[in-house]
Amino acid sequence: MEWGIAHELALHGSDVSKYVEAYRENKNNPVKASEVIERMMAQDPHGDKDHADLENNNLSNIGVVNYLNTMKEMGLNPKKQVKE
């Protein structure tokens, strides 16, 4: 199940820095910060873009690069994404 951890943290977790930056930019207005984050997350709530980019080996997506590097470092073969 190590690949599942790599998938969630490396592929999808690579967006965390964008959310942190949104909070920093709106640190004096936490309600606005939350609204900005909600809008960002609503654009792709299920990570479909990350999944498509991984399937297409789109290395312009930092999450894909992080996922592939993490899997390699763990000595695991990357799993193709299959929509269930």
Protein backbone atom coordinates (compact mmCIF):
# COMPACT_ATOMS: atom_id res chain seq x y z
CA MET A 1 0.00 0.00 0.00
CA GLU A 2 3.04 2.29 -0.09
CA TRP A 3 2.03 3.42 -3.58
CA GLY A 4 -1.26 4.74 -2.16
CA ILE A 5 0.61 6.97 0.25
CA ALA A 6 2.88 8.18 -2.54
CA HIS A 7 -0.18 8.81 -4.71
CA GLU A 8 -2.02 10.94 -2.17
CA LEU A 9 0.94 12.85 -0.75
CA ALA A 10 3.18 13.28 -3.79
CA LEU A 11 0.61 13.55 -6.58
CA HIS A 12 -2.22 15.44 -4.89
CA GLY A 13 -0.27 16.92 -1.99
CA SER A 14 1.93 18.90 -4.33
CA ASP A 15 -0.82 21.53 -4.45
CA VAL A 16 -0.50 22.29 -0.74
CA SER A 17 1.94 25.15 -1.33
CA LYS A 18 -0.72 26.99 -3.37
CA TYR A 19 -3.16 26.74 -0.47
CA VAL A 20 -0.57 27.89 2.06
CA GLU A 21 0.24 30.89 -0.13
CA ALA A 22 -3.45 31.79 -0.36
CA TYR A 23 -3.63 31.84 3.44
CA ARG A 24 -0.48 33.95 3.66
CA GLU A 25 -1.83 36.46 1.16
CA ASN A 26 -5.04 36.75 3.18
CA LYS A 27 -3.68 36.29 6.69
CA ASN A 28 -5.62 39.29 7.99
CA ASN A 29 -8.86 37.94 6.60
CA PRO A 30 -9.25 34.22 7.35
CA VAL A 31 -12.78 34.14 5.91
CA LYS A 32 -11.49 35.39 2.55
CA ALA A 33 -8.59 32.93 2.74
CA SER A 34 -11.03 30.06 3.25
CA GLU A 35 -13.15 31.24 0.33
CA VAL A 36 -10.10 31.42 -1.94
CA ILE A 37 -9.07 27.90 -0.94
CA GLU A 38 -12.60 26.56 -1.49
CA ARG A 39 -12.67 28.04 -4.99
CA MET A 40 -9.28 26.53 -5.78
CA MET A 41 -10.32 23.11 -4.54
CA ALA A 42 -13.69 23.26 -6.33
CA GLN A 43 -11.91 23.48 -9.69
CA ASP A 44 -10.91 19.81 -9.45
CA PRO A 45 -12.34 18.29 -6.26
CA HIS A 46 -11.52 14.69 -7.16
CA GLY A 47 -8.05 15.24 -8.61
CA ASP A 48 -9.14 14.25 -12.11
CA LYS A 49 -6.57 16.54 -13.73
CA ASP A 50 -3.77 14.95 -11.68
CA HIS A 51 -5.01 11.48 -12.64
CA ALA A 52 -5.18 12.37 -16.34
CA ASP A 53 -1.76 14.00 -16.22
CA LEU A 54 -0.29 10.93 -14.52
CA GLU A 55 -1.83 8.60 -17.09
CA ASN A 56 -0.41 10.80 -19.87
CA ASN A 57 2.96 11.15 -18.11
CA ASN A 58 2.58 14.94 -18.17
CA LEU A 59 5.80 16.10 -16.55
CA SER A 60 4.66 19.73 -16.51
CA ASN A 61 2.48 18.74 -13.53
CA ILE A 62 4.75 18.93 -10.47
CA GLY A 63 2.55 16.36 -8.74
CA VAL A 64 3.30 13.82 -11.47
CA VAL A 65 7.03 14.50 -11.19
CA ASN A 66 6.89 14.20 -7.39
CA TYR A 67 4.88 10.97 -7.59
CA LEU A 68 7.23 9.33 -10.10
CA ASN A 69 10.31 10.39 -8.13
CA THR A 70 8.80 9.18 -4.85
CA MET A 71 7.88 5.80 -6.34
CA LYS A 72 11.39 5.45 -7.77
CA GLU A 73 13.01 6.33 -4.45
CA MET A 74 10.81 3.76 -2.71
CA GLY A 75 11.85 1.11 -5.26
CA LEU A 76 8.29 0.74 -6.54
CA ASN A 77 6.88 0.78 -10.05
CA PRO A 78 4.44 3.63 -10.71
CA LYS A 79 0.85 2.46 -11.05
CA LYS A 80 -1.22 3.54 -14.02
CA GLN A 81 -4.30 5.39 -12.88
CA VAL A 82 -7.55 3.59 -13.57
CA LYS A 83 -10.85 5.33 -12.91
CA GLU A 84 -13.02 3.05 -10.78
